[in-house]
Amino acid sequence: QVQLVESGGGLVQSGGSLRLSCAASRSIFSVLTMSWYRQAPGKQRELVAVITVSNTTNYADSVKGRFTISSDNAKNTVYLQMNNLKPEDSAAYYCNAVTATTGAYWGQGTQVTVSS
């Protein structure tokens, strides 16, 4: 079983930055994608950013140009650098890993709150 542990959330003012980390408990064999999702109260969980095994990245339109997803395979860690944060970015952020052999994994989430 693989555990994903997010960290780096917190309270920041509008325009500020945070970097989220997602550490896997061990190397995830046959991983296809690593992603960040977020869910605000009363809203559906939405995809924020994804990075594939070939390092292709994709972003939600709402975060393009502000957020950057990256990975450090040696550390089994994925990052989400969030700049120019807005109040509408406030949500619980979840890490997700999809593999070709053992399905998908989710972290427990980390809260991001952006004050105006």
C-alpha atoms as a PDB file:
ATOM      1  CA  GLN A   1       0.000   0.000   0.000  1.00  0.00           C
ATOM      2  CA  VAL A   2       1.253   3.454  -0.907  1.00  0.00           C
ATOM      3  CA  GLN A   3       0.546   6.458   1.248  1.00  0.00           C
ATOM      4  CA  LEU A   4       0.582   9.997  -0.078  1.00  0.00           C
ATOM      5  CA  VAL A   5       1.192  12.743   2.464  1.00  0.00           C
ATOM      6  CA  GLU A   6       0.567  16.362   1.562  1.00  0.00           C
ATOM      7  CA  SER A   7       2.113  19.304   3.369  1.00  0.00           C
ATOM      8  CA  GLY A   8       2.711  22.996   2.890  1.00  0.00           C
ATOM      9  CA  GLY A   9      -0.790  24.358   3.205  1.00  0.00           C
ATOM     10  CA  GLY A  10      -1.649  27.316   5.357  1.00  0.00           C
ATOM     11  CA  LEU A  11      -3.019  30.820   5.529  1.00  0.00           C
ATOM     12  CA  VAL A  12      -1.643  33.417   3.118  1.00  0.00           C
ATOM     13  CA  GLN A  13      -2.674  36.841   1.948  1.00  0.00           C
ATOM     14  CA  SER A  14      -3.949  37.474  -1.542  1.00  0.00           C
ATOM     15  CA  GLY A  15      -0.995  37.747  -3.917  1.00  0.00           C
ATOM     16  CA  GLY A  16       1.171  35.518  -1.770  1.00  0.00           C
ATOM     17  CA  SER A  17       2.750  32.161  -2.514  1.00  0.00           C
ATOM     18  CA  LEU A  18       2.767  28.653  -1.097  1.00  0.00           C
ATOM     19  CA  ARG A  19       4.464  25.443  -2.116  1.00  0.00           C
ATOM     20  CA  LEU A  20       2.637  22.194  -1.515  1.00  0.00           C
ATOM     21  CA  SER A  21       4.466  18.887  -1.301  1.00  0.00           C
ATOM     22  CA  CYS A  22       3.169  15.370  -1.787  1.00  0.00           C
ATOM     23  CA  ALA A  23       5.478  12.660  -0.531  1.00  0.00           C
ATOM     24  CA  ALA A  24       4.868   9.025  -1.396  1.00  0.00           C
ATOM     25  CA  SER A  25       5.743   6.449   1.239  1.00  0.00           C
ATOM     26  CA  ARG A  26       7.708   4.506  -1.333  1.00  0.00           C
ATOM     27  CA  SER A  27       8.462   4.554  -5.011  1.00  0.00           C
ATOM     28  CA  ILE A  28       5.251   4.038  -6.943  1.00  0.00           C
ATOM     29  CA  PHE A  29       5.813   1.444  -9.594  1.00  0.00           C
ATOM     30  CA  SER A  30       4.146   2.044 -12.966  1.00  0.00           C
ATOM     31  CA  VAL A  31       2.876   5.511 -12.062  1.00  0.00           C
ATOM     32  CA  LEU A  32       1.209   7.187 -15.010  1.00  0.00           C
ATOM     33  CA  THR A  33       0.256  10.552 -13.582  1.00  0.00           C
ATOM     34  CA  MET A  34       0.574  12.595 -10.420  1.00  0.00           C
ATOM     35  CA  SER A  35      -1.996  15.299  -9.902  1.00  0.00           C
ATOM     36  CA  TRP A  36      -3.221  17.968  -7.559  1.00  0.00           C
ATOM     37  CA  TYR A  37      -6.935  18.400  -7.017  1.00  0.00           C
ATOM     38  CA  ARG A  38      -8.773  20.849  -4.816  1.00  0.00           C
ATOM     39  CA  GLN A  39     -12.167  21.006  -3.221  1.00  0.00           C
ATOM     40  CA  ALA A  40     -13.789  24.055  -1.722  1.00  0.00           C
ATOM     41  CA  PRO A  41     -16.756  23.756   0.653  1.00  0.00           C
ATOM     42  CA  GLY A  42     -19.949  23.005  -1.246  1.00  0.00           C
ATOM     43  CA  LYS A  43     -18.121  22.463  -4.516  1.00  0.00           C
ATOM     44  CA  GLN A  44     -16.981  19.436  -6.458  1.00  0.00           C
ATOM     45  CA  ARG A  45     -13.392  18.325  -6.393  1.00  0.00           C
ATOM     46  CA  GLU A  46     -11.581  19.757  -9.410  1.00  0.00           C
ATOM     47  CA  LEU A  47      -8.330  18.978 -11.155  1.00  0.00           C
ATOM     48  CA  VAL A  48      -5.734  21.702 -10.669  1.00  0.00           C
ATOM     49  CA  ALA A  49      -2.579  20.323 -12.277  1.00  0.00           C
ATOM     50  CA  VAL A  50      -1.199  17.040 -13.577  1.00  0.00           C
ATOM     51  CA  ILE A  51       2.249  15.772 -14.472  1.00  0.00           C
ATOM     52  CA  THR A  52       2.735  12.600 -16.472  1.00  0.00           C
ATOM     53  CA  VAL A  53       5.489  10.001 -16.356  1.00  0.00           C
ATOM     54  CA  SER A  54       7.032  11.768 -19.354  1.00  0.00           C
ATOM     55  CA  ASN A  55       6.953  15.101 -17.477  1.00  0.00           C
ATOM     56  CA  THR A  56       4.157  16.556 -19.554  1.00  0.00           C
ATOM     57  CA  THR A  57       2.134  19.018 -17.506  1.00  0.00           C
ATOM     58  CA  ASN A  58      -1.345  20.403 -17.768  1.00  0.00           C
ATOM     59  CA  TYR A  59      -3.257  22.945 -15.720  1.00  0.00           C
ATOM     60  CA  ALA A  60      -6.752  24.139 -15.075  1.00  0.00           C
ATOM     61  CA  ASP A  61      -7.412  27.404 -16.885  1.00  0.00           C
ATOM     62  CA  SER A  62      -7.967  29.158 -13.570  1.00  0.00           C
ATOM     63  CA  VAL A  63      -4.383  28.521 -12.419  1.00  0.00           C
ATOM     64  CA  LYS A  64      -2.398  28.702 -15.651  1.00  0.00           C
ATOM     65  CA  GLY A  65       0.518  31.069 -15.345  1.00  0.00           C
ATOM     66  CA  ARG A  66       0.296  31.067 -11.528  1.00  0.00           C
ATOM     67  CA  PHE A  67       0.786  27.435 -10.483  1.00  0.00           C
ATOM     68  CA  THR A  68       3.583  25.055 -11.409  1.00  0.00           C
ATOM     69  CA  ILE A  69       3.624  21.299 -10.841  1.00  0.00           C
ATOM     70  CA  SER A  70       6.929  19.466 -10.655  1.00  0.00           C
ATOM     71  CA  SER A  71       8.311  16.185  -9.424  1.00  0.00           C
ATOM     72  CA  ASP A  72      11.452  14.882  -7.792  1.00  0.00           C
ATOM     73  CA  ASN A  73      11.494  11.188  -8.551  1.00  0.00           C
ATOM     74  CA  ALA A  74      14.501  10.552  -6.329  1.00  0.00           C
ATOM     75  CA  LYS A  75      12.449  11.797  -3.376  1.00  0.00           C
ATOM     76  CA  ASN A  76       9.128  10.305  -4.542  1.00  0.00           C
ATOM     77  CA  THR A  77       7.709  13.796  -4.151  1.00  0.00           C
ATOM     78  CA  VAL A  78       5.504  16.038  -6.250  1.00  0.00           C
ATOM     79  CA  TYR A  79       5.262  19.761  -5.680  1.00  0.00           C
ATOM     80  CA  LEU A  80       2.753  22.466  -6.487  1.00  0.00           C
ATOM     81  CA  GLN A  81       4.199  25.962  -6.485  1.00  0.00           C
ATOM     82  CA  MET A  82       1.360  28.436  -6.157  1.00  0.00           C
ATOM     83  CA  ASN A  83       2.033  32.104  -6.851  1.00  0.00           C
ATOM     84  CA  ASN A  84      -0.213  35.155  -6.935  1.00  0.00           C
ATOM     85  CA  LEU A  85      -2.787  33.343  -4.838  1.00  0.00           C
ATOM     86  CA  LYS A  86      -6.370  34.554  -4.881  1.00  0.00           C
ATOM     87  CA  PRO A  87      -9.181  34.058  -2.358  1.00  0.00           C
ATOM     88  CA  GLU A  88     -10.894  31.740  -4.846  1.00  0.00           C
ATOM     89  CA  ASP A  89      -7.896  29.404  -4.580  1.00  0.00           C
ATOM     90  CA  SER A  90      -8.920  28.606  -0.999  1.00  0.00           C
ATOM     91  CA  ALA A  91      -9.678  24.911  -0.738  1.00  0.00           C
ATOM     92  CA  ALA A  92      -8.452  21.592   0.533  1.00  0.00           C
ATOM     93  CA  TYR A  93      -5.756  20.391  -1.859  1.00  0.00           C
ATOM     94  CA  TYR A  94      -5.348  16.686  -2.519  1.00  0.00           C
ATOM     95  CA  CYS A  95      -2.564  14.731  -4.142  1.00  0.00           C
ATOM     96  CA  ASN A  96      -3.449  11.885  -6.487  1.00  0.00           C
ATOM     97  CA  ALA A  97      -1.368   9.171  -8.128  1.00  0.00           C
ATOM     98  CA  VAL A  98      -2.629   6.932 -10.915  1.00  0.00           C
ATOM     99  CA  THR A  99      -0.762   3.758 -11.762  1.00  0.00           C
ATOM    100  CA  ALA A 100      -1.068   1.249 -14.556  1.00  0.00           C
ATOM    101  CA  THR A 101      -1.176  -1.736 -12.224  1.00  0.00           C
ATOM    102  CA  THR A 102      -2.522  -0.914  -8.772  1.00  0.00           C
ATOM    103  CA  GLY A 103      -5.054   1.819  -9.427  1.00  0.00           C
ATOM    104  CA  ALA A 104      -5.198   5.247  -7.862  1.00  0.00           C
ATOM    105  CA  TYR A 105      -4.072   6.689  -4.543  1.00  0.00           C
ATOM    106  CA  TRP A 106      -5.152   9.799  -2.675  1.00  0.00           C
ATOM    107  CA  GLY A 107      -3.585  11.836   0.073  1.00  0.00           C
ATOM    108  CA  GLN A 108      -5.477  13.144   3.079  1.00  0.00           C
ATOM    109  CA  GLY A 109      -5.428  16.744   1.901  1.00  0.00           C
ATOM    110  CA  THR A 110      -3.899  20.010   3.046  1.00  0.00           C
ATOM    111  CA  GLN A 111      -5.857  23.211   3.574  1.00  0.00           C
ATOM    112  CA  VAL A 112      -5.028  26.405   1.722  1.00  0.00           C
ATOM    113  CA  THR A 113      -6.723  29.613   2.814  1.00  0.00           C
ATOM    114  CA  VAL A 114      -6.150  32.876   0.981  1.00  0.00           C
ATOM    115  CA  SER A 115      -7.336  36.043   2.699  1.00  0.00           C
ATOM    116  CA  SER A 116      -8.316  39.116   0.748  1.00  0.00           C
END
